[in-house]
Amino acid sequence: MNERELSITLYHEVLEAAMVASLHPPNSVMDFNEGDFERAAQSAHTEYGETSPETLNRMLQFYGFRQE
C-alpha cells in the first residue's frame, strides 16, 4: 500500500469506527454505507492531506463529532 492509499484507509477506518463507537453518532454519518465512507475518506485526503492526529480530528469535527 502506498502512502496515499494508507492515508485514505486511515481516514475511512477512523470515521467508520467513530460512527460505530458513538452512542449518538451525528446525523451526517448515520446512513453512511461502505461507499460513503470511502468517498468521505478520499475527500478528507484531498482536503486535509496525509493523515495525522490533527487531520483526523478535523475530519471528525467536519462530520459532527465533538469532544465530550
PDB file of N, CA and C in Angstrom:
ATOM      1  N   MET A   1       0.846  -1.163   0.000  1.00  0.00           N
ATOM      2  CA  MET A   1       0.000   0.000   0.000  1.00  0.00           C
ATOM      3  C   MET A   1       0.903   1.241   0.000  1.00  0.00           C
ATOM      4  N   ASN A   2       0.631   2.162  -0.912  1.00  0.00           N
ATOM      5  CA  ASN A   2       1.436   3.381  -0.932  1.00  0.00           C
ATOM      6  C   ASN A   2       0.898   4.381   0.110  1.00  0.00           C
ATOM      7  N   GLU A   3       1.593   5.498   0.266  1.00  0.00           N
ATOM      8  CA  GLU A   3       1.240   6.487   1.295  1.00  0.00           C
ATOM      9  C   GLU A   3      -0.173   7.037   1.118  1.00  0.00           C
ATOM     10  N   ARG A   4      -0.561   7.310  -0.116  1.00  0.00           N
ATOM     11  CA  ARG A   4      -1.898   7.845  -0.390  1.00  0.00           C
ATOM     12  C   ARG A   4      -2.958   6.824   0.013  1.00  0.00           C
ATOM     13  N   GLU A   5      -2.789   5.594  -0.404  1.00  0.00           N
ATOM     14  CA  GLU A   5      -3.751   4.543  -0.071  1.00  0.00           C
ATOM     15  C   GLU A   5      -3.846   4.338   1.438  1.00  0.00           C
ATOM     16  N   LEU A   6      -2.708   4.368   2.107  1.00  0.00           N
ATOM     17  CA  LEU A   6      -2.693   4.210   3.564  1.00  0.00           C
ATOM     18  C   LEU A   6      -3.442   5.364   4.236  1.00  0.00           C
ATOM     19  N   SER A   7      -3.210   6.562   3.768  1.00  0.00           N
ATOM     20  CA  SER A   7      -3.871   7.731   4.331  1.00  0.00           C
ATOM     21  C   SER A   7      -5.384   7.630   4.160  1.00  0.00           C
ATOM     22  N   ILE A   8      -5.837   7.293   2.969  1.00  0.00           N
ATOM     23  CA  ILE A   8      -7.267   7.173   2.705  1.00  0.00           C
ATOM     24  C   ILE A   8      -7.874   6.065   3.564  1.00  0.00           C
ATOM     25  N   THR A   9      -7.162   4.955   3.687  1.00  0.00           N
ATOM     26  CA  THR A   9      -7.644   3.851   4.517  1.00  0.00           C
ATOM     27  C   THR A   9      -7.791   4.284   5.969  1.00  0.00           C
ATOM     28  N   LEU A  10      -6.839   5.046   6.483  1.00  0.00           N
ATOM     29  CA  LEU A  10      -6.926   5.522   7.865  1.00  0.00           C
ATOM     30  C   LEU A  10      -8.111   6.460   8.059  1.00  0.00           C
ATOM     31  N   TYR A  11      -8.310   7.394   7.129  1.00  0.00           N
ATOM     32  CA  TYR A  11      -9.479   8.275   7.219  1.00  0.00           C
ATOM     33  C   TYR A  11     -10.761   7.441   7.243  1.00  0.00           C
ATOM     34  N   HIS A  12     -10.851   6.496   6.340  1.00  0.00           N
ATOM     35  CA  HIS A  12     -12.036   5.642   6.223  1.00  0.00           C
ATOM     36  C   HIS A  12     -12.286   4.886   7.522  1.00  0.00           C
ATOM     37  N   GLU A  13     -11.277   4.192   8.008  1.00  0.00           N
ATOM     38  CA  GLU A  13     -11.448   3.341   9.189  1.00  0.00           C
ATOM     39  C   GLU A  13     -11.736   4.141  10.450  1.00  0.00           C
ATOM     40  N   VAL A  14     -11.100   5.283  10.612  1.00  0.00           N
ATOM     41  CA  VAL A  14     -11.341   6.114  11.797  1.00  0.00           C
ATOM     42  C   VAL A  14     -12.760   6.677  11.780  1.00  0.00           C
ATOM     43  N   LEU A  15     -13.217   7.139  10.628  1.00  0.00           N
ATOM     44  CA  LEU A  15     -14.582   7.671  10.541  1.00  0.00           C
ATOM     45  C   LEU A  15     -15.600   6.570  10.802  1.00  0.00           C
ATOM     46  N   GLU A  16     -15.394   5.416  10.219  1.00  0.00           N
ATOM     47  CA  GLU A  16     -16.311   4.300  10.419  1.00  0.00           C
ATOM     48  C   GLU A  16     -16.310   3.838  11.877  1.00  0.00           C
ATOM     49  N   ALA A  17     -15.136   3.740  12.474  1.00  0.00           N
ATOM     50  CA  ALA A  17     -15.029   3.313  13.874  1.00  0.00           C
ATOM     51  C   ALA A  17     -15.674   4.327  14.806  1.00  0.00           C
ATOM     52  N   ALA A  18     -15.503   5.615  14.533  1.00  0.00           N
ATOM     53  CA  ALA A  18     -16.110   6.650  15.374  1.00  0.00           C
ATOM     54  C   ALA A  18     -17.629   6.559  15.315  1.00  0.00           C
ATOM     55  N   MET A  19     -18.166   6.297  14.133  1.00  0.00           N
ATOM     56  CA  MET A  19     -19.611   6.178  13.992  1.00  0.00           C
ATOM     57  C   MET A  19     -20.124   4.968  14.766  1.00  0.00           C
ATOM     58  N   VAL A  20     -19.450   3.841  14.646  1.00  0.00           N
ATOM     59  CA  VAL A  20     -19.880   2.613  15.322  1.00  0.00           C
ATOM     60  C   VAL A  20     -19.742   2.750  16.841  1.00  0.00           C
ATOM     61  N   ALA A  21     -18.687   3.403  17.302  1.00  0.00           N
ATOM     62  CA  ALA A  21     -18.402   3.503  18.734  1.00  0.00           C
ATOM     63  C   ALA A  21     -19.243   4.568  19.443  1.00  0.00           C
ATOM     64  N   SER A  22     -19.830   5.466  18.688  1.00  0.00           N
ATOM     65  CA  SER A  22     -20.582   6.573  19.282  1.00  0.00           C
ATOM     66  C   SER A  22     -21.983   6.125  19.700  1.00  0.00           C
ATOM     67  N   LEU A  23     -22.381   6.509  20.907  1.00  0.00           N
ATOM     68  CA  LEU A  23     -23.741   6.216  21.356  1.00  0.00           C
ATOM     69  C   LEU A  23     -24.776   6.972  20.522  1.00  0.00           C
ATOM     70  N   HIS A  24     -24.422   8.181  20.135  1.00  0.00           N
ATOM     71  CA  HIS A  24     -25.315   9.023  19.341  1.00  0.00           C
ATOM     72  C   HIS A  24     -24.506   9.653  18.202  1.00  0.00           C
ATOM     73  N   PRO A  25     -24.254   8.885  17.136  1.00  0.00           N
ATOM     74  CA  PRO A  25     -23.459   9.441  16.033  1.00  0.00           C
ATOM     75  C   PRO A  25     -24.175  10.618  15.364  1.00  0.00           C
ATOM     76  N   PRO A  26     -23.418  11.525  14.813  1.00  0.00           N
ATOM     77  CA  PRO A  26     -24.022  12.669  14.120  1.00  0.00           C
ATOM     78  C   PRO A  26     -24.910  12.201  12.966  1.00  0.00           C
ATOM     79  N   ASN A  27     -25.955  12.952  12.712  1.00  0.00           N
ATOM     80  CA  ASN A  27     -26.851  12.632  11.598  1.00  0.00           C
ATOM     81  C   ASN A  27     -26.116  12.568  10.265  1.00  0.00           C
ATOM     82  N   SER A  28     -25.028  13.313  10.149  1.00  0.00           N
ATOM     83  CA  SER A  28     -24.293  13.371   8.881  1.00  0.00           C
ATOM     84  C   SER A  28     -23.711  12.022   8.468  1.00  0.00           C
ATOM     85  N   VAL A  29     -23.538  11.107   9.422  1.00  0.00           N
ATOM     86  CA  VAL A  29     -22.960   9.795   9.082  1.00  0.00           C
ATOM     87  C   VAL A  29     -23.901   8.631   9.388  1.00  0.00           C
ATOM     88  N   MET A  30     -25.073   8.895   9.902  1.00  0.00           N
ATOM     89  CA  MET A  30     -25.996   7.832  10.322  1.00  0.00           C
ATOM     90  C   MET A  30     -26.321   6.838   9.207  1.00  0.00           C
ATOM     91  N   ASP A  31     -26.502   7.309   8.006  1.00  0.00           N
ATOM     92  CA  ASP A  31     -26.901   6.448   6.903  1.00  0.00           C
ATOM     93  C   ASP A  31     -25.762   6.107   5.945  1.00  0.00           C
ATOM     94  N   PHE A  32     -24.534   6.326   6.375  1.00  0.00           N
ATOM     95  CA  PHE A  32     -23.390   6.023   5.519  1.00  0.00           C
ATOM     96  C   PHE A  32     -23.311   4.523   5.255  1.00  0.00           C
ATOM     97  N   ASN A  33     -22.989   4.185   4.012  1.00  0.00           N
ATOM     98  CA  ASN A  33     -22.649   2.811   3.670  1.00  0.00           C
ATOM     99  C   ASN A  33     -21.154   2.769   3.338  1.00  0.00           C
ATOM    100  N   GLU A  34     -20.660   1.629   2.949  1.00  0.00           N
ATOM    101  CA  GLU A  34     -19.225   1.479   2.705  1.00  0.00           C
ATOM    102  C   GLU A  34     -18.709   2.463   1.648  1.00  0.00           C
ATOM    103  N   GLY A  35     -19.494   2.664   0.601  1.00  0.00           N
ATOM    104  CA  GLY A  35     -19.100   3.611  -0.450  1.00  0.00           C
ATOM    105  C   GLY A  35     -19.039   5.043   0.054  1.00  0.00           C
ATOM    106  N   ASP A  36     -19.969   5.403   0.933  1.00  0.00           N
ATOM    107  CA  ASP A  36     -19.969   6.753   1.508  1.00  0.00           C
ATOM    108  C   ASP A  36     -18.724   6.985   2.355  1.00  0.00           C
ATOM    109  N   PHE A  37     -18.348   5.963   3.147  1.00  0.00           N
ATOM    110  CA  PHE A  37     -17.134   6.104   3.954  1.00  0.00           C
ATOM    111  C   PHE A  37     -15.908   6.266   3.052  1.00  0.00           C
ATOM    112  N   GLU A  38     -15.867   5.530   1.968  1.00  0.00           N
ATOM    113  CA  GLU A  38     -14.726   5.625   1.042  1.00  0.00           C
ATOM    114  C   GLU A  38     -14.662   7.001   0.398  1.00  0.00           C
ATOM    115  N   ARG A  39     -15.803   7.506  -0.055  1.00  0.00           N
ATOM    116  CA  ARG A  39     -15.823   8.848  -0.659  1.00  0.00           C
ATOM    117  C   ARG A  39     -15.431   9.910   0.360  1.00  0.00           C
ATOM    118  N   ALA A  40     -15.914   9.772   1.591  1.00  0.00           N
ATOM    119  CA  ALA A  40     -15.554  10.723   2.649  1.00  0.00           C
ATOM    120  C   ALA A  40     -14.056  10.678   2.921  1.00  0.00           C
ATOM    121  N   ALA A  41     -13.486   9.492   2.916  1.00  0.00           N
ATOM    122  CA  ALA A  41     -12.052   9.340   3.163  1.00  0.00           C
ATOM    123  C   ALA A  41     -11.236   9.967   2.041  1.00  0.00           C
ATOM    124  N   GLN A  42     -11.658   9.755   0.815  1.00  0.00           N
ATOM    125  CA  GLN A  42     -10.935  10.359  -0.309  1.00  0.00           C
ATOM    126  C   GLN A  42     -11.037  11.881  -0.273  1.00  0.00           C
ATOM    127  N   SER A  43     -12.204  12.380   0.068  1.00  0.00           N
ATOM    128  CA  SER A  43     -12.376  13.836   0.192  1.00  0.00           C
ATOM    129  C   SER A  43     -11.513  14.397   1.312  1.00  0.00           C
ATOM    130  N   ALA A  44     -11.461  13.697   2.435  1.00  0.00           N
ATOM    131  CA  ALA A  44     -10.630  14.154   3.554  1.00  0.00           C
ATOM    132  C   ALA A  44      -9.167  14.187   3.161  1.00  0.00           C
ATOM    133  N   HIS A  45      -8.733  13.174   2.433  1.00  0.00           N
ATOM    134  CA  HIS A  45      -7.329  13.155   1.998  1.00  0.00           C
ATOM    135  C   HIS A  45      -7.046  14.339   1.066  1.00  0.00           C
ATOM    136  N   THR A  46      -7.969  14.621   0.173  1.00  0.00           N
ATOM    137  CA  THR A  46      -7.798  15.751  -0.746  1.00  0.00           C
ATOM    138  C   THR A  46      -7.795  17.068   0.026  1.00  0.00           C
ATOM    139  N   GLU A  47      -8.710  17.203   0.977  1.00  0.00           N
ATOM    140  CA  GLU A  47      -8.862  18.451   1.741  1.00  0.00           C
ATOM    141  C   GLU A  47      -7.750  18.673   2.763  1.00  0.00           C
ATOM    142  N   TYR A  48      -7.407  17.624   3.520  1.00  0.00           N
ATOM    143  CA  TYR A  48      -6.502  17.780   4.659  1.00  0.00           C
ATOM    144  C   TYR A  48      -5.103  17.208   4.432  1.00  0.00           C
ATOM    145  N   GLY A  49      -4.927  16.398   3.401  1.00  0.00           N
ATOM    146  CA  GLY A  49      -3.617  15.801   3.135  1.00  0.00           C
ATOM    147  C   GLY A  49      -3.417  14.504   3.894  1.00  0.00           C
ATOM    148  N   GLU A  50      -2.164  14.123   4.030  1.00  0.00           N
ATOM    149  CA  GLU A  50      -1.821  12.874   4.712  1.00  0.00           C
ATOM    150  C   GLU A  50      -2.384  12.868   6.131  1.00  0.00           C
ATOM    151  N   THR A  51      -2.760  11.690   6.602  1.00  0.00           N
ATOM    152  CA  THR A  51      -3.346  11.596   7.933  1.00  0.00           C
ATOM    153  C   THR A  51      -2.341  11.915   9.031  1.00  0.00           C
ATOM    154  N   SER A  52      -2.859  12.536  10.046  1.00  0.00           N
ATOM    155  CA  SER A  52      -2.133  12.822  11.281  1.00  0.00           C
ATOM    156  C   SER A  52      -3.207  12.935  12.351  1.00  0.00           C
ATOM    157  N   PRO A  53      -2.848  12.943  13.606  1.00  0.00           N
ATOM    158  CA  PRO A  53      -3.878  13.131  14.628  1.00  0.00           C
ATOM    159  C   PRO A  53      -4.712  14.399  14.390  1.00  0.00           C
ATOM    160  N   GLU A  54      -4.048  15.464  13.984  1.00  0.00           N
ATOM    161  CA  GLU A  54      -4.755  16.726  13.746  1.00  0.00           C
ATOM    162  C   GLU A  54      -5.733  16.620  12.579  1.00  0.00           C
ATOM    163  N   THR A  55      -5.305  16.036  11.466  1.00  0.00           N
ATOM    164  CA  THR A  55      -6.192  15.962  10.304  1.00  0.00           C
ATOM    165  C   THR A  55      -7.344  14.984  10.543  1.00  0.00           C
ATOM    166  N   LEU A  56      -7.089  13.924  11.295  1.00  0.00           N
ATOM    167  CA  LEU A  56      -8.173  13.001  11.634  1.00  0.00           C
ATOM    168  C   LEU A  56      -9.213  13.705  12.503  1.00  0.00           C
ATOM    169  N   ASN A  57      -8.757  14.495  13.470  1.00  0.00           N
ATOM    170  CA  ASN A  57      -9.681  15.254  14.320  1.00  0.00           C
ATOM    171  C   ASN A  57     -10.471  16.276  13.507  1.00  0.00           C
ATOM    172  N   ARG A  58      -9.809  16.929  12.565  1.00  0.00           N
ATOM    173  CA  ARG A  58     -10.508  17.905  11.720  1.00  0.00           C
ATOM    174  C   ARG A  58     -11.605  17.234  10.902  1.00  0.00           C
ATOM    175  N   MET A  59     -11.305  16.047  10.359  1.00  0.00           N
ATOM    176  CA  MET A  59     -12.301  15.313   9.592  1.00  0.00           C
ATOM    177  C   MET A  59     -13.488  14.932  10.483  1.00  0.00           C
ATOM    178  N   LEU A  60     -13.203  14.412  11.674  1.00  0.00           N
ATOM    179  CA  LEU A  60     -14.275  14.015  12.579  1.00  0.00           C
ATOM    180  C   LEU A  60     -15.138  15.219  12.966  1.00  0.00           C
ATOM    181  N   GLN A  61     -14.509  16.350  13.217  1.00  0.00           N
ATOM    182  CA  GLN A  61     -15.259  17.562  13.551  1.00  0.00           C
ATOM    183  C   GLN A  61     -16.127  17.999  12.370  1.00  0.00           C
ATOM    184  N   PHE A  62     -15.602  17.878  11.160  1.00  0.00           N
ATOM    185  CA  PHE A  62     -16.368  18.228   9.968  1.00  0.00           C
ATOM    186  C   PHE A  62     -17.658  17.422   9.904  1.00  0.00           C
ATOM    187  N   TYR A  63     -17.607  16.155  10.270  1.00  0.00           N
ATOM    188  CA  TYR A  63     -18.788  15.288  10.211  1.00  0.00           C
ATOM    189  C   TYR A  63     -19.652  15.378  11.464  1.00  0.00           C
ATOM    190  N   GLY A  64     -19.282  16.233  12.406  1.00  0.00           N
ATOM    191  CA  GLY A  64     -20.144  16.498  13.539  1.00  0.00           C
ATOM    192  C   GLY A  64     -19.762  15.800  14.842  1.00  0.00           C
ATOM    193  N   PHE A  65     -18.625  15.127  14.851  1.00  0.00           N
ATOM    194  CA  PHE A  65     -18.173  14.510  16.113  1.00  0.00           C
ATOM    195  C   PHE A  65     -17.530  15.600  16.953  1.00  0.00           C
ATOM    196  N   ARG A  66     -17.900  15.639  18.212  1.00  0.00           N
ATOM    197  CA  ARG A  66     -17.359  16.637  19.142  1.00  0.00           C
ATOM    198  C   ARG A  66     -16.774  15.928  20.348  1.00  0.00           C
ATOM    199  N   GLN A  67     -15.759  16.552  20.930  1.00  0.00           N
ATOM    200  CA  GLN A  67     -15.212  16.008  22.167  1.00  0.00           C
ATOM    201  C   GLN A  67     -16.205  16.244  23.279  1.00  0.00           C
ATOM    202  N   GLU A  68     -16.341  15.287  24.143  1.00  0.00           N
ATOM    203  CA  GLU A  68     -17.304  15.411  25.240  1.00  0.00           C
ATOM    204  C   GLU A  68     -16.579  15.611  26.541  1.00  0.00           C
TER     205      GLU A  68
END
